[in-house]
Amino acid sequence: MERLRAAVAQRCGCTLGLGIADLTPHDDFASLVERADRALLRTKRARDVSR
């Protein structure tokens, strides 16, 4: 993901935030999407702090 983020930044001059979540045996679709959403929010918050 870091290589993808850097390539987009170099080529387009824009930023890219990525979040990932893995599927566990106890997950349903909603819990998986919720964890992925939290990962994306952490990315956004980290970017906002680094400005």
N, C-alpha and C. Protein backbone atom coordinates (compact mmCIF):
# COMPACT_ATOMS: atom_id res chain seq x y z
N MET A 1 0.81 -1.17 0.00
CA MET A 1 0.00 0.00 0.00
C MET A 1 0.87 1.25 0.00
N GLU A 2 1.97 1.19 0.70
CA GLU A 2 2.85 2.36 0.74
C GLU A 2 3.42 2.65 -0.64
N ARG A 3 3.80 1.61 -1.38
CA ARG A 3 4.32 1.82 -2.74
C ARG A 3 3.25 2.41 -3.64
N LEU A 4 2.03 1.95 -3.52
CA LEU A 4 0.93 2.50 -4.30
C LEU A 4 0.69 3.97 -3.95
N ARG A 5 0.68 4.29 -2.65
CA ARG A 5 0.47 5.66 -2.19
C ARG A 5 1.56 6.57 -2.75
N ALA A 6 2.82 6.13 -2.67
CA ALA A 6 3.94 6.94 -3.16
C ALA A 6 3.87 7.12 -4.68
N ALA A 7 3.49 6.08 -5.40
CA ALA A 7 3.39 6.18 -6.86
C ALA A 7 2.30 7.16 -7.28
N VAL A 8 1.17 7.13 -6.60
CA VAL A 8 0.09 8.07 -6.91
C VAL A 8 0.55 9.50 -6.61
N ALA A 9 1.21 9.69 -5.47
CA ALA A 9 1.68 11.03 -5.10
C ALA A 9 2.68 11.55 -6.12
N GLN A 10 3.58 10.69 -6.57
CA GLN A 10 4.60 11.11 -7.54
C GLN A 10 3.98 11.42 -8.90
N ARG A 11 3.08 10.59 -9.33
CA ARG A 11 2.51 10.75 -10.67
C ARG A 11 1.47 11.86 -10.74
N CYS A 12 0.61 11.95 -9.74
CA CYS A 12 -0.52 12.88 -9.79
C CYS A 12 -0.37 14.10 -8.89
N GLY A 13 0.56 14.02 -7.96
CA GLY A 13 0.72 15.12 -7.02
C GLY A 13 -0.41 15.23 -6.01
N CYS A 14 -1.12 14.14 -5.80
CA CYS A 14 -2.21 14.15 -4.83
C CYS A 14 -1.95 13.10 -3.76
N THR A 15 -2.75 13.13 -2.72
CA THR A 15 -2.59 12.16 -1.64
C THR A 15 -3.61 11.04 -1.79
N LEU A 16 -3.30 9.93 -1.17
CA LEU A 16 -4.15 8.75 -1.21
C LEU A 16 -4.16 8.13 0.17
N GLY A 17 -5.33 7.92 0.72
CA GLY A 17 -5.46 7.24 2.01
C GLY A 17 -6.04 5.86 1.79
N LEU A 18 -5.46 4.87 2.43
CA LEU A 18 -5.91 3.49 2.26
C LEU A 18 -6.20 2.87 3.62
N GLY A 19 -7.21 2.05 3.69
CA GLY A 19 -7.53 1.29 4.88
C GLY A 19 -7.76 -0.15 4.49
N ILE A 20 -7.36 -1.06 5.35
CA ILE A 20 -7.53 -2.48 5.04
C ILE A 20 -8.00 -3.21 6.30
N ALA A 21 -8.82 -4.20 6.10
CA ALA A 21 -9.30 -5.03 7.19
C ALA A 21 -9.32 -6.47 6.70
N ASP A 22 -8.96 -7.38 7.57
CA ASP A 22 -8.99 -8.78 7.18
C ASP A 22 -10.25 -9.44 7.71
N LEU A 23 -10.72 -10.43 6.99
CA LEU A 23 -11.94 -11.16 7.35
C LEU A 23 -11.58 -12.25 8.35
N THR A 24 -12.23 -12.22 9.50
CA THR A 24 -12.02 -13.25 10.52
C THR A 24 -13.21 -14.21 10.52
N PRO A 25 -13.04 -15.35 11.13
CA PRO A 25 -14.16 -16.31 11.16
C PRO A 25 -15.42 -15.78 11.86
N HIS A 26 -15.26 -14.77 12.72
CA HIS A 26 -16.39 -14.24 13.47
C HIS A 26 -17.06 -13.05 12.78
N ASP A 27 -16.57 -12.67 11.62
CA ASP A 27 -17.09 -11.50 10.92
C ASP A 27 -18.32 -11.80 10.09
N ASP A 28 -19.16 -10.79 10.00
CA ASP A 28 -20.16 -10.74 8.95
C ASP A 28 -19.78 -9.53 8.09
N PHE A 29 -20.52 -9.28 7.05
CA PHE A 29 -20.17 -8.19 6.14
C PHE A 29 -20.11 -6.85 6.87
N ALA A 30 -21.08 -6.59 7.73
CA ALA A 30 -21.14 -5.30 8.42
C ALA A 30 -19.94 -5.07 9.32
N SER A 31 -19.50 -6.08 10.06
CA SER A 31 -18.35 -5.89 10.95
C SER A 31 -17.06 -5.71 10.16
N LEU A 32 -16.94 -6.38 9.04
CA LEU A 32 -15.76 -6.19 8.18
C LEU A 32 -15.71 -4.77 7.62
N VAL A 33 -16.84 -4.29 7.12
CA VAL A 33 -16.89 -2.93 6.58
C VAL A 33 -16.64 -1.90 7.67
N GLU A 34 -17.15 -2.15 8.86
CA GLU A 34 -16.93 -1.22 9.98
C GLU A 34 -15.44 -1.10 10.31
N ARG A 35 -14.72 -2.22 10.37
CA ARG A 35 -13.28 -2.17 10.64
C ARG A 35 -12.52 -1.48 9.52
N ALA A 36 -12.89 -1.72 8.27
CA ALA A 36 -12.25 -1.04 7.15
C ALA A 36 -12.51 0.46 7.22
N ASP A 37 -13.71 0.85 7.59
CA ASP A 37 -14.04 2.26 7.72
C ASP A 37 -13.22 2.91 8.83
N ARG A 38 -13.05 2.24 9.95
CA ARG A 38 -12.22 2.78 11.04
C ARG A 38 -10.77 2.94 10.58
N ALA A 39 -10.27 1.99 9.78
CA ALA A 39 -8.90 2.10 9.26
C ALA A 39 -8.77 3.33 8.36
N LEU A 40 -9.76 3.58 7.53
CA LEU A 40 -9.73 4.77 6.68
C LEU A 40 -9.77 6.05 7.51
N LEU A 41 -10.58 6.07 8.57
CA LEU A 41 -10.65 7.25 9.43
C LEU A 41 -9.31 7.50 10.13
N ARG A 42 -8.63 6.44 10.56
CA ARG A 42 -7.29 6.60 11.16
C ARG A 42 -6.33 7.22 10.17
N THR A 43 -6.42 6.81 8.90
CA THR A 43 -5.57 7.38 7.86
C THR A 43 -5.85 8.86 7.69
N LYS A 44 -7.11 9.23 7.66
CA LYS A 44 -7.47 10.63 7.51
C LYS A 44 -6.98 11.46 8.69
N ARG A 45 -7.19 10.97 9.89
CA ARG A 45 -6.73 11.70 11.09
C ARG A 45 -5.22 11.88 11.09
N ALA A 46 -4.49 10.85 10.70
CA ALA A 46 -3.02 10.94 10.66
C ALA A 46 -2.59 11.98 9.63
N ARG A 47 -3.27 12.04 8.51
CA ARG A 47 -2.95 13.02 7.48
C ARG A 47 -3.25 14.43 7.97
N ASP A 48 -4.38 14.62 8.65
CA ASP A 48 -4.76 15.93 9.17
C ASP A 48 -3.75 16.43 10.19
N VAL A 49 -3.21 15.52 11.00
CA VAL A 49 -2.23 15.91 12.03
C VAL A 49 -0.91 16.30 11.38
N SER A 50 -0.55 15.66 10.28
CA SER A 50 0.75 15.92 9.67
C SER A 50 0.81 17.21 8.88
N ARG A 51 -0.29 17.88 8.72
CA ARG A 51 -0.29 19.16 7.97
C ARG A 51 0.36 20.26 8.72
